[in-house]
Amino acid sequence: MAKSLDIIDPKRELDDNPRDEERDEKEDKVIQASEPQESSGGLFYLIIGIIAVIVSASLALYILFKDDKSNKSAGSASVTATAKASGTASAATSATTSATATAASASTTTTSSSSFKYTNEQIRVANGNNTAGEGAKIKTLLEGKGYKIASVGNASKQYDSSIIYYKTGQEKLAEALKADLAGEYVATVEKSDETVGSYDAVVVLGSK
């Protein structure tokens, strides 16, 4: 029975154990070496992904704010241009309206003085320039415009310029006579109840 132990080769047993241990150590080293690489590789791709997301988000925000700013600038320019155009149109309209009103006012003034006819007022024409026939000439002129000429005669003195005297309340009559005489004489008007006496107005013809 004791010899059965001789069947086991002590040398072989010793050789087998070191080989197994050496193989296990190699496998452990391989496993240990591969694990850090896998962990390091995963972390690298994770960082790359995060950077890519941040860059994409930044680019999107930049484009968004750029477009919004451009729209605001375009809107502001459009509003400014519209306001300027509107202001120019308003100014042109105002100028046209003012010119029309001025023309209408002038037309009204001219029409009122020339179309307002007097038929019942007592008017005297006095020749103060010693030109024969001037009194009768002006009488015919004024009667042709609708005035009632009560008398024609010579003035008590010579006049260098023509003047129309009128009594209180007959200023419009005097202004109308002045306008209708403008083609022949340039006259001034003056209120004088004493000079006109019983007449409403006295037209004194002076030197032309």
C-alpha atoms as a PDB file:
ATOM      1  CA  MET A   1       0.000   0.000   0.000  1.00  0.00           C
ATOM      2  CA  ALA A   2       2.815   2.277   0.719  1.00  0.00           C
ATOM      3  CA  LYS A   3       4.139   1.827  -2.755  1.00  0.00           C
ATOM      4  CA  SER A   4       0.980   3.192  -4.267  1.00  0.00           C
ATOM      5  CA  LEU A   5       2.309   6.603  -3.488  1.00  0.00           C
ATOM      6  CA  ASP A   6       5.011   5.969  -6.017  1.00  0.00           C
ATOM      7  CA  ILE A   7       2.439   6.214  -8.760  1.00  0.00           C
ATOM      8  CA  ILE A   8       2.253  10.011  -8.168  1.00  0.00           C
ATOM      9  CA  ASP A   9       5.089  11.874  -9.767  1.00  0.00           C
ATOM     10  CA  PRO A  10       6.036  14.545  -7.291  1.00  0.00           C
ATOM     11  CA  LYS A  11       7.971  16.421  -9.965  1.00  0.00           C
ATOM     12  CA  ARG A  12       4.982  16.589 -12.254  1.00  0.00           C
ATOM     13  CA  GLU A  13       2.737  17.818  -9.513  1.00  0.00           C
ATOM     14  CA  LEU A  14       5.168  20.564  -8.714  1.00  0.00           C
ATOM     15  CA  ASP A  15       5.406  21.540 -12.357  1.00  0.00           C
ATOM     16  CA  ASP A  16       1.664  21.636 -12.876  1.00  0.00           C
ATOM     17  CA  ASN A  17       0.914  24.045 -10.040  1.00  0.00           C
ATOM     18  CA  PRO A  18       3.350  26.782 -11.100  1.00  0.00           C
ATOM     19  CA  ARG A  19       1.977  26.701 -14.631  1.00  0.00           C
ATOM     20  CA  ASP A  20      -1.558  27.052 -13.426  1.00  0.00           C
ATOM     21  CA  GLU A  21      -0.637  29.938 -11.182  1.00  0.00           C
ATOM     22  CA  GLU A  22       1.306  31.624 -13.934  1.00  0.00           C
ATOM     23  CA  ARG A  23      -1.660  31.274 -16.297  1.00  0.00           C
ATOM     24  CA  ASP A  24      -4.035  32.676 -13.713  1.00  0.00           C
ATOM     25  CA  GLU A  25      -1.780  35.632 -13.126  1.00  0.00           C
ATOM     26  CA  LYS A  26      -1.615  36.325 -16.838  1.00  0.00           C
ATOM     27  CA  GLU A  27      -5.373  36.155 -17.147  1.00  0.00           C
ATOM     28  CA  ASP A  28      -5.783  38.526 -14.194  1.00  0.00           C
ATOM     29  CA  LYS A  29      -3.362  40.967 -15.780  1.00  0.00           C
ATOM     30  CA  VAL A  30      -5.252  40.813 -19.078  1.00  0.00           C
ATOM     31  CA  ILE A  31      -8.554  41.415 -17.329  1.00  0.00           C
ATOM     32  CA  GLN A  32      -7.121  44.232 -15.264  1.00  0.00           C
ATOM     33  CA  ALA A  33      -5.548  45.821 -18.329  1.00  0.00           C
ATOM     34  CA  SER A  34      -8.747  45.621 -20.386  1.00  0.00           C
ATOM     35  CA  GLU A  35     -11.079  47.073 -17.760  1.00  0.00           C
ATOM     36  CA  PRO A  36      -9.407  50.506 -17.472  1.00  0.00           C
ATOM     37  CA  GLN A  37      -9.304  50.846 -21.260  1.00  0.00           C
ATOM     38  CA  GLU A  38     -12.995  50.154 -21.587  1.00  0.00           C
ATOM     39  CA  SER A  39     -13.778  52.585 -18.779  1.00  0.00           C
ATOM     40  CA  SER A  40     -11.496  55.258 -20.270  1.00  0.00           C
ATOM     41  CA  GLY A  41     -13.014  54.832 -23.736  1.00  0.00           C
ATOM     42  CA  GLY A  42     -16.584  55.236 -22.460  1.00  0.00           C
ATOM     43  CA  LEU A  43     -15.706  58.392 -20.572  1.00  0.00           C
ATOM     44  CA  PHE A  44     -14.053  59.867 -23.686  1.00  0.00           C
ATOM     45  CA  TYR A  45     -17.136  59.333 -25.848  1.00  0.00           C
ATOM     46  CA  LEU A  46     -19.369  60.733 -23.099  1.00  0.00           C
ATOM     47  CA  ILE A  47     -17.314  63.946 -22.961  1.00  0.00           C
ATOM     48  CA  ILE A  48     -17.378  64.235 -26.778  1.00  0.00           C
ATOM     49  CA  GLY A  49     -21.173  63.848 -26.757  1.00  0.00           C
ATOM     50  CA  ILE A  50     -21.625  66.518 -24.097  1.00  0.00           C
ATOM     51  CA  ILE A  51     -19.392  68.954 -26.035  1.00  0.00           C
ATOM     52  CA  ALA A  52     -21.349  68.281 -29.232  1.00  0.00           C
ATOM     53  CA  VAL A  53     -24.662  68.995 -27.473  1.00  0.00           C
ATOM     54  CA  ILE A  54     -23.321  72.256 -26.007  1.00  0.00           C
ATOM     55  CA  VAL A  55     -21.979  73.428 -29.382  1.00  0.00           C
ATOM     56  CA  SER A  56     -25.275  72.590 -31.119  1.00  0.00           C
ATOM     57  CA  ALA A  57     -27.309  74.442 -28.486  1.00  0.00           C
ATOM     58  CA  SER A  58     -25.016  77.494 -28.681  1.00  0.00           C
ATOM     59  CA  LEU A  59     -25.276  77.581 -32.477  1.00  0.00           C
ATOM     60  CA  ALA A  60     -29.069  77.325 -32.354  1.00  0.00           C
ATOM     61  CA  LEU A  61     -29.316  80.164 -29.818  1.00  0.00           C
ATOM     62  CA  TYR A  62     -26.988  82.336 -31.909  1.00  0.00           C
ATOM     63  CA  ILE A  63     -29.066  81.828 -35.060  1.00  0.00           C
ATOM     64  CA  LEU A  64     -32.310  82.469 -33.142  1.00  0.00           C
ATOM     65  CA  PHE A  65     -31.120  85.743 -31.598  1.00  0.00           C
ATOM     66  CA  LYS A  66     -29.558  86.873 -34.876  1.00  0.00           C
ATOM     67  CA  ASP A  67     -32.833  86.347 -36.777  1.00  0.00           C
ATOM     68  CA  ASP A  68     -34.824  88.106 -34.035  1.00  0.00           C
ATOM     69  CA  LYS A  69     -32.464  91.078 -34.098  1.00  0.00           C
ATOM     70  CA  SER A  70     -32.674  91.278 -37.899  1.00  0.00           C
ATOM     71  CA  ASN A  71     -36.484  91.194 -37.759  1.00  0.00           C
ATOM     72  CA  LYS A  72     -36.539  93.957 -35.156  1.00  0.00           C
ATOM     73  CA  SER A  73     -34.166  96.110 -37.233  1.00  0.00           C
ATOM     74  CA  ALA A  74     -36.236  95.561 -40.363  1.00  0.00           C
ATOM     75  CA  GLY A  75     -39.459  96.375 -38.461  1.00  0.00           C
ATOM     76  CA  SER A  76     -37.950  99.533 -37.008  1.00  0.00           C
ATOM     77  CA  ALA A  77     -36.720 100.662 -40.426  1.00  0.00           C
ATOM     78  CA  SER A  78     -40.144  99.981 -41.914  1.00  0.00           C
ATOM     79  CA  VAL A  79     -41.913 101.972 -39.186  1.00  0.00           C
ATOM     80  CA  THR A  80     -39.457 104.867 -39.589  1.00  0.00           C
ATOM     81  CA  ALA A  81     -39.873 104.919 -43.358  1.00  0.00           C
ATOM     82  CA  THR A  82     -43.658 104.774 -43.022  1.00  0.00           C
ATOM     83  CA  ALA A  83     -43.645 107.601 -40.465  1.00  0.00           C
ATOM     84  CA  LYS A  84     -41.437 109.750 -42.708  1.00  0.00           C
ATOM     85  CA  ALA A  85     -43.609 109.058 -45.738  1.00  0.00           C
ATOM     86  CA  SER A  86     -46.740 109.833 -43.723  1.00  0.00           C
ATOM     87  CA  GLY A  87     -45.215 113.062 -42.373  1.00  0.00           C
ATOM     88  CA  THR A  88     -44.185 114.151 -45.889  1.00  0.00           C
ATOM     89  CA  ALA A  89     -47.653 113.390 -47.254  1.00  0.00           C
ATOM     90  CA  SER A  90     -49.271 115.287 -44.358  1.00  0.00           C
ATOM     91  CA  ALA A  91     -47.010 118.288 -44.928  1.00  0.00           C
ATOM     92  CA  ALA A  92     -47.809 118.287 -48.648  1.00  0.00           C
ATOM     93  CA  THR A  93     -51.534 118.013 -47.909  1.00  0.00           C
ATOM     94  CA  SER A  94     -51.320 120.827 -45.359  1.00  0.00           C
ATOM     95  CA  ALA A  95     -49.432 123.049 -47.810  1.00  0.00           C
ATOM     96  CA  THR A  96     -51.970 122.341 -50.549  1.00  0.00           C
ATOM     97  CA  THR A  97     -54.874 123.049 -48.192  1.00  0.00           C
ATOM     98  CA  SER A  98     -53.272 126.293 -47.011  1.00  0.00           C
ATOM     99  CA  ALA A  99     -52.647 127.450 -50.584  1.00  0.00           C
ATOM    100  CA  THR A 100     -56.217 126.598 -51.563  1.00  0.00           C
ATOM    101  CA  ALA A 101     -57.617 128.434 -48.540  1.00  0.00           C
ATOM    102  CA  THR A 102     -55.473 131.496 -49.297  1.00  0.00           C
ATOM    103  CA  ALA A 103     -56.591 131.546 -52.926  1.00  0.00           C
ATOM    104  CA  ALA A 104     -60.230 131.124 -51.899  1.00  0.00           C
ATOM    105  CA  SER A 105     -59.905 133.938 -49.357  1.00  0.00           C
ATOM    106  CA  ALA A 106     -58.378 136.260 -51.947  1.00  0.00           C
ATOM    107  CA  SER A 107     -61.070 135.335 -54.431  1.00  0.00           C
ATOM    108  CA  THR A 108     -63.790 135.976 -51.850  1.00  0.00           C
ATOM    109  CA  THR A 109     -62.344 139.367 -50.932  1.00  0.00           C
ATOM    110  CA  THR A 110     -62.125 140.477 -54.563  1.00  0.00           C
ATOM    111  CA  THR A 111     -65.598 139.217 -55.356  1.00  0.00           C
ATOM    112  CA  SER A 112     -67.199 140.858 -52.318  1.00  0.00           C
ATOM    113  CA  SER A 113     -65.772 144.280 -53.111  1.00  0.00           C
ATOM    114  CA  SER A 114     -66.538 144.170 -56.822  1.00  0.00           C
ATOM    115  CA  SER A 115     -69.896 142.393 -56.792  1.00  0.00           C
ATOM    116  CA  PHE A 116     -71.424 144.234 -53.840  1.00  0.00           C
ATOM    117  CA  LYS A 117     -73.633 146.798 -55.591  1.00  0.00           C
ATOM    118  CA  TYR A 118     -74.977 149.957 -54.003  1.00  0.00           C
ATOM    119  CA  THR A 119     -78.136 151.472 -55.454  1.00  0.00           C
ATOM    120  CA  ASN A 120     -79.652 153.589 -52.693  1.00  0.00           C
ATOM    121  CA  GLU A 121     -76.590 155.401 -51.287  1.00  0.00           C
ATOM    122  CA  GLN A 122     -76.051 159.066 -52.096  1.00  0.00           C
ATOM    123  CA  ILE A 123     -72.641 159.538 -53.738  1.00  0.00           C
ATOM    124  CA  ARG A 124     -71.058 162.766 -55.026  1.00  0.00           C
ATOM    125  CA  VAL A 125     -68.131 162.901 -57.468  1.00  0.00           C
ATOM    126  CA  ALA A 126     -65.943 166.007 -57.097  1.00  0.00           C
ATOM    127  CA  ASN A 127     -63.260 166.809 -59.668  1.00  0.00           C
ATOM    128  CA  GLY A 128     -60.160 168.141 -57.893  1.00  0.00           C
ATOM    129  CA  ASN A 129     -57.608 167.962 -60.745  1.00  0.00           C
ATOM    130  CA  ASN A 130     -58.972 170.563 -63.194  1.00  0.00           C
ATOM    131  CA  THR A 131     -59.166 167.962 -65.968  1.00  0.00           C
ATOM    132  CA  ALA A 132     -62.271 168.729 -67.963  1.00  0.00           C
ATOM    133  CA  GLY A 133     -64.803 165.946 -68.189  1.00  0.00           C
ATOM    134  CA  GLU A 134     -63.207 163.732 -65.527  1.00  0.00           C
ATOM    135  CA  GLY A 135     -66.171 164.070 -63.177  1.00  0.00           C
ATOM    136  CA  ALA A 136     -68.657 162.955 -65.826  1.00  0.00           C
ATOM    137  CA  LYS A 137     -66.339 160.141 -66.903  1.00  0.00           C
ATOM    138  CA  ILE A 138     -66.098 158.699 -63.392  1.00  0.00           C
ATOM    139  CA  LYS A 139     -69.854 159.147 -62.882  1.00  0.00           C
ATOM    140  CA  THR A 140     -70.523 156.997 -65.959  1.00  0.00           C
ATOM    141  CA  LEU A 141     -67.950 154.427 -64.800  1.00  0.00           C
ATOM    142  CA  LEU A 142     -69.473 154.058 -61.330  1.00  0.00           C
ATOM    143  CA  GLU A 143     -73.058 153.980 -62.562  1.00  0.00           C
ATOM    144  CA  GLY A 144     -72.038 151.173 -64.905  1.00  0.00           C
ATOM    145  CA  LYS A 145     -70.999 149.212 -61.780  1.00  0.00           C
ATOM    146  CA  GLY A 146     -74.373 149.783 -60.092  1.00  0.00           C
ATOM    147  CA  TYR A 147     -73.715 152.832 -57.900  1.00  0.00           C
ATOM    148  CA  LYS A 148     -76.168 155.720 -57.590  1.00  0.00           C
ATOM    149  CA  ILE A 149     -74.375 159.026 -58.274  1.00  0.00           C
ATOM    150  CA  ALA A 150     -76.402 161.891 -56.797  1.00  0.00           C
ATOM    151  CA  SER A 151     -74.264 164.792 -58.110  1.00  0.00           C
ATOM    152  CA  VAL A 152     -71.095 165.703 -60.013  1.00  0.00           C
ATOM    153  CA  GLY A 153     -69.101 168.946 -59.604  1.00  0.00           C
ATOM    154  CA  ASN A 154     -65.743 170.528 -58.965  1.00  0.00           C
ATOM    155  CA  ALA A 155     -63.899 170.346 -55.643  1.00  0.00           C
ATOM    156  CA  SER A 156     -63.303 173.540 -53.675  1.00  0.00           C
ATOM    157  CA  LYS A 157     -59.513 173.082 -54.083  1.00  0.00           C
ATOM    158  CA  GLN A 158     -56.900 171.121 -55.978  1.00  0.00           C
ATOM    159  CA  TYR A 159     -55.987 167.644 -54.730  1.00  0.00           C
ATOM    160  CA  ASP A 160     -52.643 165.965 -55.377  1.00  0.00           C
ATOM    161  CA  SER A 161     -54.121 162.524 -54.755  1.00  0.00           C
ATOM    162  CA  SER A 162     -57.599 161.036 -54.859  1.00  0.00           C
ATOM    163  CA  ILE A 163     -59.533 160.448 -51.671  1.00  0.00           C
ATOM    164  CA  ILE A 164     -62.908 158.983 -50.779  1.00  0.00           C
ATOM    165  CA  TYR A 165     -64.669 160.507 -47.783  1.00  0.00           C
ATOM    166  CA  TYR A 166     -67.441 158.509 -46.122  1.00  0.00           C
ATOM    167  CA  LYS A 167     -69.809 159.004 -43.244  1.00  0.00           C
ATOM    168  CA  THR A 168     -69.995 156.785 -40.175  1.00  0.00           C
ATOM    169  CA  GLY A 169     -71.212 153.297 -41.013  1.00  0.00           C
ATOM    170  CA  GLN A 170     -70.335 153.491 -44.739  1.00  0.00           C
ATOM    171  CA  GLU A 171     -66.803 152.127 -44.623  1.00  0.00           C
ATOM    172  CA  LYS A 172     -67.736 149.160 -46.862  1.00  0.00           C
ATOM    173  CA  LEU A 173     -69.144 151.569 -49.423  1.00  0.00           C
ATOM    174  CA  ALA A 174     -65.893 153.532 -49.446  1.00  0.00           C
ATOM    175  CA  GLU A 175     -63.776 150.376 -49.817  1.00  0.00           C
ATOM    176  CA  ALA A 176     -65.946 149.151 -52.689  1.00  0.00           C
ATOM    177  CA  LEU A 177     -65.626 152.529 -54.454  1.00  0.00           C
ATOM    178  CA  LYS A 178     -61.857 152.413 -53.981  1.00  0.00           C
ATOM    179  CA  ALA A 179     -61.665 148.934 -55.533  1.00  0.00           C
ATOM    180  CA  ASP A 180     -63.850 149.868 -58.511  1.00  0.00           C
ATOM    181  CA  LEU A 181     -61.882 153.079 -59.180  1.00  0.00           C
ATOM    182  CA  ALA A 182     -58.503 151.292 -59.070  1.00  0.00           C
ATOM    183  CA  GLY A 183     -58.326 151.069 -62.868  1.00  0.00           C
ATOM    184  CA  GLU A 184     -58.487 154.878 -63.177  1.00  0.00           C
ATOM    185  CA  TYR A 185     -57.419 156.347 -59.841  1.00  0.00           C
ATOM    186  CA  VAL A 186     -55.520 155.149 -56.789  1.00  0.00           C
ATOM    187  CA  ALA A 187     -57.479 156.539 -53.843  1.00  0.00           C
ATOM    188  CA  THR A 188     -57.384 156.438 -50.057  1.00  0.00           C
ATOM    189  CA  VAL A 189     -60.429 156.363 -47.759  1.00  0.00           C
ATOM    190  CA  GLU A 190     -61.194 158.604 -44.810  1.00  0.00           C
ATOM    191  CA  LYS A 191     -64.181 158.902 -42.505  1.00  0.00           C
ATOM    192  CA  SER A 192     -65.475 162.471 -42.278  1.00  0.00           C
ATOM    193  CA  ASP A 193     -69.139 163.162 -41.511  1.00  0.00           C
ATOM    194  CA  GLU A 194     -68.488 166.896 -41.799  1.00  0.00           C
ATOM    195  CA  THR A 195     -67.064 166.680 -45.328  1.00  0.00           C
ATOM    196  CA  VAL A 196     -69.696 164.378 -46.806  1.00  0.00           C
ATOM    197  CA  GLY A 197     -72.615 166.326 -45.274  1.00  0.00           C
ATOM    198  CA  SER A 198     -75.843 164.754 -46.532  1.00  0.00           C
ATOM    199  CA  TYR A 199     -74.067 162.279 -48.814  1.00  0.00           C
ATOM    200  CA  ASP A 200     -73.012 158.779 -47.879  1.00  0.00           C
ATOM    201  CA  ALA A 201     -69.680 159.208 -49.679  1.00  0.00           C
ATOM    202  CA  VAL A 202     -67.820 161.839 -51.701  1.00  0.00           C
ATOM    203  CA  VAL A 203     -65.265 160.773 -54.327  1.00  0.00           C
ATOM    204  CA  VAL A 204     -62.649 163.483 -54.809  1.00  0.00           C
ATOM    205  CA  LEU A 205     -60.544 163.023 -57.932  1.00  0.00           C
ATOM    206  CA  GLY A 206     -56.931 164.155 -57.516  1.00  0.00           C
ATOM    207  CA  SER A 207     -53.983 164.185 -59.875  1.00  0.00           C
ATOM    208  CA  LYS A 208     -53.230 160.780 -61.367  1.00  0.00           C
END
